């Protein structure tokens, strides 16, 4: 019974006509949202750059003082955060494209 129904569905020529392909359309406030995303991207890149500069200065200070070195972890964290932030668009395209 299931096999017969499946074969009937495959044989229906107008089944493809019932499924439509919608055309994408931009939302009404897309330009303002994209502007906000561009501002946020700029802020994240600026914050990452400042974090690397701060951690580099702190690393030099710790090296000069002879204390324990904690700044290499901060530099590595800032670099990893920067990599994730700059590749966020690619990651989201891969995640959404796979669905």
Protein backbone atom coordinates (compact mmCIF):
# COMPACT_ATOMS: atom_id res chain seq x y z
CA UNK A 1 0.00 0.00 0.00
CA UNK A 2 2.82 2.42 0.89
CA UNK A 3 4.78 1.41 -2.17
CA UNK A 4 1.76 1.94 -4.42
CA UNK A 5 1.17 5.42 -2.95
CA UNK A 6 4.83 6.33 -3.40
CA UNK A 7 4.78 5.22 -7.03
CA UNK A 8 1.59 7.22 -7.63
CA UNK A 9 3.23 10.35 -6.19
CA UNK A 10 6.31 9.89 -8.36
CA UNK A 11 4.21 9.38 -11.47
CA UNK A 12 2.16 12.57 -10.94
CA UNK A 13 3.40 15.08 -13.54
CA UNK A 14 1.74 18.14 -11.97
CA UNK A 15 3.27 17.59 -8.51
CA UNK A 16 6.20 19.83 -9.45
CA UNK A 17 3.79 22.53 -10.58
CA UNK A 18 2.27 22.66 -7.09
CA UNK A 19 5.63 23.40 -5.44
CA UNK A 20 6.65 26.99 -6.13
CA UNK A 21 10.01 28.67 -5.89
CA UNK A 22 9.64 32.01 -4.06
CA UNK A 23 11.90 34.87 -5.06
CA UNK A 24 13.91 36.47 -2.23
CA UNK A 25 12.85 39.93 -1.16
CA UNK A 26 14.63 42.38 1.11
CA UNK A 27 12.86 43.33 4.34
CA UNK A 28 11.59 46.91 4.70
CA UNK A 29 14.31 48.01 7.17
CA UNK A 30 17.18 45.99 5.67
CA UNK A 31 19.31 49.06 4.91
CA UNK A 32 19.21 50.25 8.54
CA UNK A 33 19.93 46.75 9.81
CA UNK A 34 22.91 46.37 7.46
CA UNK A 35 24.24 49.74 8.61
CA UNK A 36 24.01 48.54 12.21
CA UNK A 37 25.86 45.33 11.29
CA UNK A 38 28.60 47.34 9.57
CA UNK A 39 28.97 49.56 12.67
CA UNK A 40 29.13 46.51 14.91
CA UNK A 41 31.74 44.88 12.66
CA UNK A 42 33.84 48.04 12.78
CA UNK A 43 33.57 48.16 16.58
CA UNK A 44 34.56 44.48 16.95
CA UNK A 45 37.61 44.94 14.72
CA UNK A 46 38.62 48.08 16.63
CA UNK A 47 38.19 46.32 19.98
CA UNK A 48 40.27 43.37 18.77
CA UNK A 49 43.05 45.63 17.56
CA UNK A 50 43.08 47.52 20.85
CA UNK A 51 43.11 44.25 22.80
CA UNK A 52 46.16 43.02 20.88
CA UNK A 53 47.96 46.34 21.42
CA UNK A 54 47.12 46.34 25.15
CA UNK A 55 48.17 42.72 25.59
CA UNK A 56 51.42 43.37 23.72
CA UNK A 57 52.22 46.31 25.98
CA UNK A 58 51.36 44.29 29.06
CA UNK A 59 53.51 41.44 27.76
CA UNK A 60 56.48 43.81 27.42
CA UNK A 61 55.85 45.20 30.90
CA UNK A 62 55.66 41.72 32.46
CA UNK A 63 58.84 40.69 30.65
CA UNK A 64 60.66 43.83 31.84
CA UNK A 65 59.46 43.40 35.45
CA UNK A 66 60.37 39.71 35.51
CA UNK A 67 56.98 38.60 36.84
CA UNK A 68 54.80 35.73 35.68
CA UNK A 69 53.79 35.95 32.02
CA UNK A 70 50.01 36.01 31.63
CA UNK A 71 49.79 38.20 28.55
CA UNK A 72 50.54 35.54 25.91
CA UNK A 73 47.16 34.00 26.80
CA UNK A 74 45.50 37.37 26.25
CA UNK A 75 47.23 37.82 22.91
CA UNK A 76 46.17 34.34 21.80
CA UNK A 77 42.60 35.00 22.98
CA UNK A 78 42.45 38.29 21.09
CA UNK A 79 43.80 36.64 17.93
CA UNK A 80 41.32 33.75 18.13
CA UNK A 81 38.49 36.21 18.80
CA UNK A 82 39.56 38.26 15.80
CA UNK A 83 39.63 35.20 13.57
CA UNK A 84 36.15 34.17 14.67
CA UNK A 85 34.82 37.73 14.31
CA UNK A 86 36.18 38.24 10.80
CA UNK A 87 35.02 34.84 9.60
CA UNK A 88 31.55 35.07 11.16
CA UNK A 89 29.92 35.76 7.79
CA UNK A 90 31.56 32.75 6.21
CA UNK A 91 30.61 30.55 9.18
CA UNK A 92 26.98 31.68 9.01
CA UNK A 93 26.82 31.14 5.24
CA UNK A 94 28.14 27.61 5.73
CA UNK A 95 25.67 26.92 8.55
CA UNK A 96 22.63 28.39 6.79
CA UNK A 97 23.61 26.98 3.41
CA UNK A 98 23.77 23.47 4.88
CA UNK A 99 20.18 23.61 6.08
